[in-house]
PDB file of N, CA and C in Angstrom:
ATOM      1  N   MET A   1       0.817  -1.305   0.127  1.00  0.00           N
ATOM      2  CA  MET A   1      -0.247  -0.424   0.225  1.00  0.00           C
ATOM      3  C   MET A   1       0.985   1.500   0.009  1.00  0.00           C
ATOM      4  N   ASN A   2       0.851   1.769  -0.730  1.00  0.00           N
ATOM      5  CA  ASN A   2       1.482   3.150  -1.506  1.00  0.00           C
ATOM      6  C   ASN A   2       0.979   4.378  -0.484  1.00  0.00           C
ATOM      7  N   PRO A   3       1.232   4.674   0.279  1.00  0.00           N
ATOM      8  CA  PRO A   3       0.291   6.133   0.832  1.00  0.00           C
ATOM      9  C   PRO A   3       0.226   7.164   0.238  1.00  0.00           C
ATOM     10  N   ALA A   4       1.475   7.226  -1.168  1.00  0.00           N
ATOM     11  CA  ALA A   4       1.328   8.600  -2.168  1.00  0.00           C
ATOM     12  C   ALA A   4       0.121   8.722  -2.892  1.00  0.00           C
ATOM     13  N   ASP A   5       0.106   7.032  -3.388  1.00  0.00           N
ATOM     14  CA  ASP A   5      -1.061   6.741  -4.366  1.00  0.00           C
ATOM     15  C   ASP A   5      -2.196   7.117  -4.035  1.00  0.00           C
ATOM     16  N   LEU A   6      -2.543   6.249  -2.460  1.00  0.00           N
ATOM     17  CA  LEU A   6      -3.805   6.623  -1.703  1.00  0.00           C
ATOM     18  C   LEU A   6      -3.856   8.147  -1.756  1.00  0.00           C
ATOM     19  N   PHE A   7      -3.152   8.878  -1.354  1.00  0.00           N
ATOM     20  CA  PHE A   7      -3.733  10.206  -1.097  1.00  0.00           C
ATOM     21  C   PHE A   7      -3.685  10.824  -2.347  1.00  0.00           C
ATOM     22  N   ARG A   8      -3.168  10.781  -3.470  1.00  0.00           N
ATOM     23  CA  ARG A   8      -3.287  11.215  -4.565  1.00  0.00           C
ATOM     24  C   ARG A   8      -4.777  10.941  -5.250  1.00  0.00           C
ATOM     25  N   ALA A   9      -5.524   9.787  -4.930  1.00  0.00           N
ATOM     26  CA  ALA A   9      -6.349   9.323  -5.355  1.00  0.00           C
ATOM     27  C   ALA A   9      -7.762  10.091  -4.493  1.00  0.00           C
ATOM     28  N   LEU A  10      -7.467  10.151  -3.398  1.00  0.00           N
ATOM     29  CA  LEU A  10      -8.242  10.663  -2.596  1.00  0.00           C
ATOM     30  C   LEU A  10      -8.468  12.456  -2.476  1.00  0.00           C
ATOM     31  N   ALA A  11      -7.810  12.928  -2.708  1.00  0.00           N
ATOM     32  CA  ALA A  11      -7.414  14.144  -2.979  1.00  0.00           C
ATOM     33  C   ALA A  11      -8.168  14.940  -4.184  1.00  0.00           C
ATOM     34  N   ASN A  12      -8.948  14.547  -4.896  1.00  0.00           N
ATOM     35  CA  ASN A  12      -9.741  14.860  -5.866  1.00  0.00           C
ATOM     36  C   ASN A  12     -10.760  14.763  -5.915  1.00  0.00           C
ATOM     37  N   GLU A  13     -11.956  15.869  -5.708  1.00  0.00           N
ATOM     38  CA  GLU A  13     -13.384  15.808  -5.385  1.00  0.00           C
ATOM     39  C   GLU A  13     -13.991  14.852  -6.951  1.00  0.00           C
ATOM     40  N   ARG A  14     -13.423  14.930  -7.524  1.00  0.00           N
ATOM     41  CA  ARG A  14     -14.315  13.838  -8.883  1.00  0.00           C
ATOM     42  C   ARG A  14     -14.068  12.217  -8.103  1.00  0.00           C
ATOM     43  N   ARG A  15     -12.553  12.297  -8.108  1.00  0.00           N
ATOM     44  CA  ARG A  15     -12.491  10.702  -7.339  1.00  0.00           C
ATOM     45  C   ARG A  15     -13.292  10.160  -6.579  1.00  0.00           C
ATOM     46  N   LEU A  16     -13.503  10.897  -5.539  1.00  0.00           N
ATOM     47  CA  LEU A  16     -14.409  10.663  -4.599  1.00  0.00           C
ATOM     48  C   LEU A  16     -15.842  10.306  -4.675  1.00  0.00           C
ATOM     49  N   GLN A  17     -16.399  11.157  -5.865  1.00  0.00           N
ATOM     50  CA  GLN A  17     -17.755  11.281  -6.104  1.00  0.00           C
ATOM     51  C   GLN A  17     -17.869   9.945  -7.055  1.00  0.00           C
ATOM     52  N   ILE A  18     -16.755   9.482  -7.598  1.00  0.00           N
ATOM     53  CA  ILE A  18     -16.430   8.131  -8.348  1.00  0.00           C
ATOM     54  C   ILE A  18     -16.545   6.924  -7.504  1.00  0.00           C
ATOM     55  N   LEU A  19     -15.978   7.067  -6.491  1.00  0.00           N
ATOM     56  CA  LEU A  19     -15.955   5.986  -5.586  1.00  0.00           C
ATOM     57  C   LEU A  19     -17.266   5.787  -4.713  1.00  0.00           C
ATOM     58  N   ASP A  20     -18.031   7.174  -4.620  1.00  0.00           N
ATOM     59  CA  ASP A  20     -19.407   7.502  -3.682  1.00  0.00           C
ATOM     60  C   ASP A  20     -20.360   6.314  -4.907  1.00  0.00           C
ATOM     61  N   TRP A  21     -19.857   6.572  -5.873  1.00  0.00           N
ATOM     62  CA  TRP A  21     -21.295   6.495  -7.012  1.00  0.00           C
ATOM     63  C   TRP A  21     -21.177   4.775  -6.779  1.00  0.00           C
ATOM     64  N   LEU A  22     -19.927   3.908  -7.333  1.00  0.00           N
ATOM     65  CA  LEU A  22     -19.695   3.147  -7.684  1.00  0.00           C
ATOM     66  C   LEU A  22     -19.931   2.129  -5.596  1.00  0.00           C
ATOM     67  N   LYS A  23     -20.314   3.121  -5.038  1.00  0.00           N
ATOM     68  CA  LYS A  23     -20.902   2.441  -3.433  1.00  0.00           C
ATOM     69  C   LYS A  23     -22.013   1.648  -3.742  1.00  0.00           C
ATOM     70  N   ASP A  24     -22.598   2.233  -4.565  1.00  0.00           N
ATOM     71  CA  ASP A  24     -24.389   1.576  -5.170  1.00  0.00           C
ATOM     72  C   ASP A  24     -24.627   1.975  -6.626  1.00  0.00           C
ATOM     73  N   PRO A  25     -24.198   1.322  -7.272  1.00  0.00           N
ATOM     74  CA  PRO A  25     -24.014   1.570  -8.507  1.00  0.00           C
ATOM     75  C   PRO A  25     -25.540   1.394  -9.262  1.00  0.00           C
ATOM     76  N   ARG A  26     -26.100   0.188  -8.387  1.00  0.00           N
ATOM     77  CA  ARG A  26     -27.392   0.740  -9.194  1.00  0.00           C
ATOM     78  C   ARG A  26     -28.376   1.899  -8.745  1.00  0.00           C
ATOM     79  N   ALA A  27     -28.177   2.581  -7.834  1.00  0.00           N
ATOM     80  CA  ALA A  27     -28.653   3.716  -7.443  1.00  0.00           C
ATOM     81  C   ALA A  27     -28.618   4.716  -8.547  1.00  0.00           C
ATOM     82  N   HIS A  28     -27.333   4.797  -9.288  1.00  0.00           N
ATOM     83  CA  HIS A  28     -26.392   5.839 -10.007  1.00  0.00           C
ATOM     84  C   HIS A  28     -26.298   5.620 -11.381  1.00  0.00           C
ATOM     85  N   PHE A  29     -26.916   4.523 -11.392  1.00  0.00           N
ATOM     86  CA  PHE A  29     -26.636   4.051 -13.099  1.00  0.00           C
ATOM     87  C   PHE A  29     -27.446   3.144 -13.678  1.00  0.00           C
ATOM     88  N   PRO A  30     -27.907   3.580 -15.138  1.00  0.00           N
ATOM     89  CA  PRO A  30     -28.832   2.581 -15.721  1.00  0.00           C
ATOM     90  C   PRO A  30     -28.249   1.601 -15.936  1.00  0.00           C
ATOM     91  N   PRO A  31     -28.996   0.256 -16.079  1.00  0.00           N
ATOM     92  CA  PRO A  31     -28.556  -1.186 -16.736  1.00  0.00           C
ATOM     93  C   PRO A  31     -27.839  -0.952 -17.659  1.00  0.00           C
ATOM     94  N   GLN A  32     -26.885  -1.750 -17.967  1.00  0.00           N
ATOM     95  CA  GLN A  32     -25.977  -2.051 -18.979  1.00  0.00           C
ATOM     96  C   GLN A  32     -26.224  -3.056 -20.148  1.00  0.00           C
ATOM     97  N   VAL A  33     -25.793  -3.088 -21.614  1.00  0.00           N
ATOM     98  CA  VAL A  33     -26.015  -4.059 -22.037  1.00  0.00           C
ATOM     99  C   VAL A  33     -24.976  -4.836 -21.813  1.00  0.00           C
ATOM    100  N   ASP A  34     -23.540  -4.965 -21.472  1.00  0.00           N
ATOM    101  CA  ASP A  34     -22.650  -5.771 -21.042  1.00  0.00           C
ATOM    102  C   ASP A  34     -22.437  -5.458 -19.759  1.00  0.00           C
ATOM    103  N   GLY A  35     -22.108  -6.603 -19.054  1.00  0.00           N
ATOM    104  CA  GLY A  35     -21.603  -7.004 -17.810  1.00  0.00           C
ATOM    105  C   GLY A  35     -22.808  -5.887 -16.353  1.00  0.00           C
ATOM    106  N   ASP A  36     -22.613  -6.880 -15.807  1.00  0.00           N
ATOM    107  CA  ASP A  36     -23.846  -6.487 -14.415  1.00  0.00           C
ATOM    108  C   ASP A  36     -22.874  -5.208 -13.610  1.00  0.00           C
ATOM    109  N   LEU A  37     -23.960  -4.077 -13.338  1.00  0.00           N
ATOM    110  CA  LEU A  37     -23.516  -3.284 -12.191  1.00  0.00           C
ATOM    111  C   LEU A  37     -22.631  -3.743 -11.508  1.00  0.00           C
ATOM    112  N   VAL A  38     -23.106  -4.596 -10.548  1.00  0.00           N
ATOM    113  CA  VAL A  38     -22.172  -4.890  -9.142  1.00  0.00           C
ATOM    114  C   VAL A  38     -21.940  -5.790  -9.269  1.00  0.00           C
ATOM    115  N   GLU A  39     -21.667  -7.118 -10.012  1.00  0.00           N
ATOM    116  CA  GLU A  39     -20.675  -8.083 -10.402  1.00  0.00           C
ATOM    117  C   GLU A  39     -19.750  -7.523 -10.990  1.00  0.00           C
ATOM    118  N   ASP A  40     -19.871  -7.262 -12.145  1.00  0.00           N
ATOM    119  CA  ASP A  40     -18.971  -6.584 -13.121  1.00  0.00           C
ATOM    120  C   ASP A  40     -18.248  -5.688 -12.906  1.00  0.00           C
ATOM    121  N   GLY A  41     -19.072  -4.503 -12.509  1.00  0.00           N
ATOM    122  CA  GLY A  41     -18.924  -3.098 -12.400  1.00  0.00           C
ATOM    123  C   GLY A  41     -19.671  -2.053 -13.477  1.00  0.00           C
ATOM    124  N   VAL A  42     -19.110  -0.813 -13.541  1.00  0.00           N
ATOM    125  CA  VAL A  42     -19.551   0.266 -14.205  1.00  0.00           C
ATOM    126  C   VAL A  42     -18.930   0.495 -15.268  1.00  0.00           C
ATOM    127  N   CYS A  43     -19.181   0.488 -16.585  1.00  0.00           N
ATOM    128  CA  CYS A  43     -18.777   1.160 -17.780  1.00  0.00           C
ATOM    129  C   CYS A  43     -18.300   2.500 -17.570  1.00  0.00           C
ATOM    130  N   GLY A  44     -16.956   2.379 -17.938  1.00  0.00           N
ATOM    131  CA  GLY A  44     -16.863   3.701 -18.181  1.00  0.00           C
ATOM    132  C   GLY A  44     -17.339   4.907 -18.608  1.00  0.00           C
ATOM    133  N   VAL A  45     -17.778   4.150 -19.984  1.00  0.00           N
ATOM    134  CA  VAL A  45     -18.506   5.567 -20.420  1.00  0.00           C
ATOM    135  C   VAL A  45     -19.515   6.194 -19.986  1.00  0.00           C
ATOM    136  N   PHE A  46     -20.127   5.445 -19.247  1.00  0.00           N
ATOM    137  CA  PHE A  46     -21.343   5.736 -17.911  1.00  0.00           C
ATOM    138  C   PHE A  46     -20.651   6.606 -17.195  1.00  0.00           C
ATOM    139  N   ILE A  47     -19.497   6.510 -16.359  1.00  0.00           N
ATOM    140  CA  ILE A  47     -19.406   7.518 -15.484  1.00  0.00           C
ATOM    141  C   ILE A  47     -18.804   8.653 -15.858  1.00  0.00           C
ATOM    142  N   ALA A  48     -18.156   8.441 -17.187  1.00  0.00           N
ATOM    143  CA  ALA A  48     -17.585  10.033 -17.836  1.00  0.00           C
ATOM    144  C   ALA A  48     -18.916  10.419 -18.197  1.00  0.00           C
ATOM    145  N   GLU A  49     -19.735  10.023 -18.746  1.00  0.00           N
ATOM    146  CA  GLU A  49     -21.063  10.709 -19.100  1.00  0.00           C
ATOM    147  C   GLU A  49     -21.441  11.598 -17.590  1.00  0.00           C
ATOM    148  N   LYS A  50     -21.695  10.503 -16.662  1.00  0.00           N
ATOM    149  CA  LYS A  50     -22.099  11.636 -15.360  1.00  0.00           C
ATOM    150  C   LYS A  50     -21.666  12.377 -15.015  1.00  0.00           C
ATOM    151  N   LEU A  51     -20.491  12.435 -15.016  1.00  0.00           N
ATOM    152  CA  LEU A  51     -19.377  13.458 -14.329  1.00  0.00           C
ATOM    153  C   LEU A  51     -19.302  14.820 -15.230  1.00  0.00           C
ATOM    154  N   GLY A  52     -19.861  14.464 -16.702  1.00  0.00           N
ATOM    155  CA  GLY A  52     -19.600  15.640 -17.744  1.00  0.00           C
ATOM    156  C   GLY A  52     -18.216  15.500 -18.361  1.00  0.00           C
ATOM    157  N   ILE A  53     -17.565  14.298 -18.321  1.00  0.00           N
ATOM    158  CA  ILE A  53     -16.555  14.776 -18.898  1.00  0.00           C
ATOM    159  C   ILE A  53     -15.867  13.663 -20.422  1.00  0.00           C
ATOM    160  N   SER A  54     -14.751  14.398 -20.362  1.00  0.00           N
ATOM    161  CA  SER A  54     -14.033  13.023 -21.937  1.00  0.00           C
ATOM    162  C   SER A  54     -13.900  11.555 -21.389  1.00  0.00           C
ATOM    163  N   GLN A  55     -13.574  10.858 -22.469  1.00  0.00           N
ATOM    164  CA  GLN A  55     -13.118   9.586 -21.825  1.00  0.00           C
ATOM    165  C   GLN A  55     -11.496  10.163 -21.646  1.00  0.00           C
ATOM    166  N   PRO A  56     -10.788  10.313 -22.212  1.00  0.00           N
ATOM    167  CA  PRO A  56      -9.614  10.538 -21.995  1.00  0.00           C
ATOM    168  C   PRO A  56      -9.027  11.041 -20.297  1.00  0.00           C
ATOM    169  N   THR A  57     -10.082  12.018 -19.978  1.00  0.00           N
ATOM    170  CA  THR A  57     -10.468  12.805 -18.853  1.00  0.00           C
ATOM    171  C   THR A  57     -10.514  11.517 -17.682  1.00  0.00           C
ATOM    172  N   LEU A  58     -11.834  10.872 -17.875  1.00  0.00           N
ATOM    173  CA  LEU A  58     -11.788   9.681 -17.219  1.00  0.00           C
ATOM    174  C   LEU A  58     -10.881   8.500 -16.705  1.00  0.00           C
ATOM    175  N   SER A  59     -10.448   8.186 -17.828  1.00  0.00           N
ATOM    176  CA  SER A  59      -8.703   7.325 -17.868  1.00  0.00           C
ATOM    177  C   SER A  59      -7.867   7.782 -16.782  1.00  0.00           C
ATOM    178  N   GLU A  60      -7.392   9.150 -17.222  1.00  0.00           N
ATOM    179  CA  GLU A  60      -7.020   9.314 -16.156  1.00  0.00           C
ATOM    180  C   GLU A  60      -7.088   9.107 -14.395  1.00  0.00           C
ATOM    181  N   HIS A  61      -8.702   9.697 -14.583  1.00  0.00           N
ATOM    182  CA  HIS A  61      -8.898   9.391 -12.957  1.00  0.00           C
ATOM    183  C   HIS A  61      -9.041   7.929 -12.604  1.00  0.00           C
ATOM    184  N   MET A  62      -9.186   7.249 -13.487  1.00  0.00           N
ATOM    185  CA  MET A  62      -9.231   5.662 -12.996  1.00  0.00           C
ATOM    186  C   MET A  62      -8.213   4.841 -13.189  1.00  0.00           C
ATOM    187  N   LYS A  63      -7.107   5.673 -13.935  1.00  0.00           N
ATOM    188  CA  LYS A  63      -5.860   4.935 -13.582  1.00  0.00           C
ATOM    189  C   LYS A  63      -4.963   5.554 -12.153  1.00  0.00           C
ATOM    190  N   VAL A  64      -5.439   6.764 -11.529  1.00  0.00           N
ATOM    191  CA  VAL A  64      -5.098   6.744 -10.504  1.00  0.00           C
ATOM    192  C   VAL A  64      -5.840   5.950  -9.486  1.00  0.00           C
ATOM    193  N   LEU A  65      -7.333   5.785  -9.461  1.00  0.00           N
ATOM    194  CA  LEU A  65      -7.689   4.791  -8.545  1.00  0.00           C
ATOM    195  C   LEU A  65      -7.654   3.322  -8.569  1.00  0.00           C
ATOM    196  N   VAL A  66      -7.185   2.892 -10.143  1.00  0.00           N
ATOM    197  CA  VAL A  66      -6.595   1.938  -9.673  1.00  0.00           C
ATOM    198  C   VAL A  66      -5.295   1.752  -9.212  1.00  0.00           C
ATOM    199  N   ARG A  67      -4.477   2.692  -9.557  1.00  0.00           N
ATOM    200  CA  ARG A  67      -2.950   2.366  -9.165  1.00  0.00           C
ATOM    201  C   ARG A  67      -3.014   2.398  -7.650  1.00  0.00           C
ATOM    202  N   ALA A  68      -3.916   3.333  -7.084  1.00  0.00           N
ATOM    203  CA  ALA A  68      -4.314   3.047  -5.362  1.00  0.00           C
ATOM    204  C   ALA A  68      -4.762   1.943  -4.717  1.00  0.00           C
ATOM    205  N   GLY A  69      -5.901   1.210  -5.866  1.00  0.00           N
ATOM    206  CA  GLY A  69      -6.310  -0.277  -5.546  1.00  0.00           C
ATOM    207  C   GLY A  69      -7.575   0.165  -4.638  1.00  0.00           C
ATOM    208  N   LEU A  70      -7.982   1.026  -5.409  1.00  0.00           N
ATOM    209  CA  LEU A  70      -9.526   1.218  -4.462  1.00  0.00           C
ATOM    210  C   LEU A  70     -10.321   0.915  -5.671  1.00  0.00           C
ATOM    211  N   VAL A  71      -9.892   1.117  -7.371  1.00  0.00           N
ATOM    212  CA  VAL A  71     -11.143   0.033  -7.789  1.00  0.00           C
ATOM    213  C   VAL A  71     -10.225  -0.854  -8.547  1.00  0.00           C
ATOM    214  N   THR A  72     -10.872  -2.213  -9.129  1.00  0.00           N
ATOM    215  CA  THR A  72     -10.676  -2.783  -9.989  1.00  0.00           C
ATOM    216  C   THR A  72     -11.408  -2.820 -11.432  1.00  0.00           C
ATOM    217  N   PRO A  73     -10.118  -2.892 -12.253  1.00  0.00           N
ATOM    218  CA  PRO A  73     -11.060  -2.867 -13.771  1.00  0.00           C
ATOM    219  C   PRO A  73     -11.288  -3.720 -14.421  1.00  0.00           C
ATOM    220  N   ARG A  74     -12.320  -4.396 -14.896  1.00  0.00           N
ATOM    221  CA  ARG A  74     -12.503  -5.620 -15.915  1.00  0.00           C
ATOM    222  C   ARG A  74     -12.589  -5.065 -17.279  1.00  0.00           C
ATOM    223  N   ARG A  75     -12.337  -5.845 -18.040  1.00  0.00           N
ATOM    224  CA  ARG A  75     -12.770  -5.317 -19.599  1.00  0.00           C
ATOM    225  C   ARG A  75     -13.627  -6.696 -19.759  1.00  0.00           C
ATOM    226  N   ILE A  76     -14.471  -6.291 -20.760  1.00  0.00           N
ATOM    227  CA  ILE A  76     -15.465  -6.833 -21.671  1.00  0.00           C
ATOM    228  C   ILE A  76     -15.822  -6.272 -22.745  1.00  0.00           C
ATOM    229  N   LYS A  77     -15.394  -7.287 -23.965  1.00  0.00           N
ATOM    230  CA  LYS A  77     -15.782  -6.588 -25.361  1.00  0.00           C
ATOM    231  C   LYS A  77     -14.338  -5.615 -25.481  1.00  0.00           C
ATOM    232  N   GLN A  78     -14.752  -4.544 -25.824  1.00  0.00           N
ATOM    233  CA  GLN A  78     -13.751  -2.854 -25.966  1.00  0.00           C
ATOM    234  C   GLN A  78     -14.371  -1.960 -24.925  1.00  0.00           C
ATOM    235  N   TRP A  79     -14.986  -2.372 -23.587  1.00  0.00           N
ATOM    236  CA  TRP A  79     -15.130  -1.665 -22.585  1.00  0.00           C
ATOM    237  C   TRP A  79     -14.339  -2.372 -21.543  1.00  0.00           C
ATOM    238  N   THR A  80     -14.159  -1.136 -20.563  1.00  0.00           N
ATOM    239  CA  THR A  80     -13.777  -1.164 -19.529  1.00  0.00           C
ATOM    240  C   THR A  80     -14.432  -1.074 -18.441  1.00  0.00           C
ATOM    241  N   PHE A  81     -14.644  -1.841 -17.265  1.00  0.00           N
ATOM    242  CA  PHE A  81     -15.610  -1.744 -16.195  1.00  0.00           C
ATOM    243  C   PHE A  81     -15.387  -1.556 -14.887  1.00  0.00           C
ATOM    244  N   TYR A  82     -15.578  -1.100 -14.165  1.00  0.00           N
ATOM    245  CA  TYR A  82     -14.710  -0.524 -12.861  1.00  0.00           C
ATOM    246  C   TYR A  82     -15.810  -0.476 -11.584  1.00  0.00           C
ATOM    247  N   ARG A  83     -14.889  -1.213 -10.456  1.00  0.00           N
ATOM    248  CA  ARG A  83     -15.735  -2.055  -9.718  1.00  0.00           C
ATOM    249  C   ARG A  83     -15.138  -0.854  -8.278  1.00  0.00           C
ATOM    250  N   ARG A  84     -15.296  -0.874  -7.137  1.00  0.00           N
ATOM    251  CA  ARG A  84     -14.546  -0.586  -6.084  1.00  0.00           C
ATOM    252  C   ARG A  84     -14.023  -1.949  -5.353  1.00  0.00           C
ATOM    253  N   ASN A  85     -12.693  -1.779  -4.423  1.00  0.00           N
ATOM    254  CA  ASN A  85     -12.413  -2.757  -4.049  1.00  0.00           C
ATOM    255  C   ASN A  85     -12.726  -2.267  -2.574  1.00  0.00           C
ATOM    256  N   GLU A  86     -13.193  -3.069  -2.327  1.00  0.00           N
ATOM    257  CA  GLU A  86     -13.686  -2.805  -0.678  1.00  0.00           C
ATOM    258  C   GLU A  86     -12.768  -3.494   0.579  1.00  0.00           C
ATOM    259  N   GLU A  87     -12.330  -4.080   0.167  1.00  0.00           N
ATOM    260  CA  GLU A  87     -10.956  -4.604   0.625  1.00  0.00           C
ATOM    261  C   GLU A  87     -10.045  -3.672   0.948  1.00  0.00           C
ATOM    262  N   ARG A  88      -9.582  -3.128   0.117  1.00  0.00           N
ATOM    263  CA  ARG A  88      -8.786  -2.304  -0.233  1.00  0.00           C
ATOM    264  C   ARG A  88      -8.843  -1.313   0.903  1.00  0.00           C
ATOM    265  N   ILE A  89     -10.454  -0.432   0.189  1.00  0.00           N
ATOM    266  CA  ILE A  89     -10.856   0.630   0.810  1.00  0.00           C
ATOM    267  C   ILE A  89     -11.083   0.126   2.160  1.00  0.00           C
ATOM    268  N   CYS A  90     -11.209  -0.566   2.955  1.00  0.00           N
ATOM    269  CA  CYS A  90     -11.471  -1.230   4.451  1.00  0.00           C
ATOM    270  C   CYS A  90      -9.989  -0.860   5.391  1.00  0.00           C
ATOM    271  N   ALA A  91      -8.948  -1.441   4.060  1.00  0.00           N
ATOM    272  CA  ALA A  91      -7.558  -1.231   4.861  1.00  0.00           C
ATOM    273  C   ALA A  91      -7.087  -0.196   4.535  1.00  0.00           C
ATOM    274  N   ALA A  92      -7.538   0.861   3.886  1.00  0.00           N
ATOM    275  CA  ALA A  92      -6.899   1.868   3.847  1.00  0.00           C
ATOM    276  C   ALA A  92      -7.690   2.666   4.909  1.00  0.00           C
ATOM    277  N   LYS A  93      -8.734   2.940   4.854  1.00  0.00           N
ATOM    278  CA  LYS A  93      -9.517   3.360   6.102  1.00  0.00           C
ATOM    279  C   LYS A  93      -8.321   2.926   7.730  1.00  0.00           C
ATOM    280  N   ALA A  94      -8.352   1.819   7.775  1.00  0.00           N
ATOM    281  CA  ALA A  94      -7.741   1.388   8.665  1.00  0.00           C
ATOM    282  C   ALA A  94      -6.426   1.921   8.868  1.00  0.00           C
ATOM    283  N   ALA A  95      -5.436   2.405   8.009  1.00  0.00           N
ATOM    284  CA  ALA A  95      -4.553   2.808   7.798  1.00  0.00           C
ATOM    285  C   ALA A  95      -4.519   4.306   8.400  1.00  0.00           C
ATOM    286  N   MET A  96      -5.102   4.488   7.612  1.00  0.00           N
ATOM    287  CA  MET A  96      -5.492   6.450   8.299  1.00  0.00           C
ATOM    288  C   MET A  96      -5.392   6.748   9.457  1.00  0.00           C
ATOM    289  N   LEU A  97      -6.634   5.547   9.988  1.00  0.00           N
ATOM    290  CA  LEU A  97      -6.827   5.998  11.112  1.00  0.00           C
ATOM    291  C   LEU A  97      -6.182   5.528  12.178  1.00  0.00           C
ATOM    292  N   ALA A  98      -5.132   4.861  11.979  1.00  0.00           N
ATOM    293  CA  ALA A  98      -3.611   4.173  12.924  1.00  0.00           C
ATOM    294  C   ALA A  98      -2.793   5.066  12.957  1.00  0.00           C
ATOM    295  N   GLU A  99      -2.723   6.129  11.870  1.00  0.00           N
ATOM    296  CA  GLU A  99      -1.847   7.290  11.551  1.00  0.00           C
ATOM    297  C   GLU A  99      -2.443   8.524  12.502  1.00  0.00           C
ATOM    298  N   LEU A 100      -3.512   8.550  12.904  1.00  0.00           N
ATOM    299  CA  LEU A 100      -4.372   9.693  13.749  1.00  0.00           C
ATOM    300  C   LEU A 100      -3.446   9.716  15.129  1.00  0.00           C
TER     301      LEU A 100
END
């Protein structure tokens, strides 16, 4: 667990918003043709649209979240789907609390 990657991921409002939406994807995203919202994750296209940003900008945000281990990507056909890594998020919370 690299603390710098974790803090970089959490230091951006858009990335925090993405993590919040991915906590309950069915409440925040429409059904997908490919991939289950919970099991497979949310398609990056839907996340970018909801944030009102371009695909390349979303890719940068997701790269930071993946590097920190907070989300996991999954390729289905030509799309990348993202879901929260709850185990890593819990570990990150515990590590931050331990530092306080």
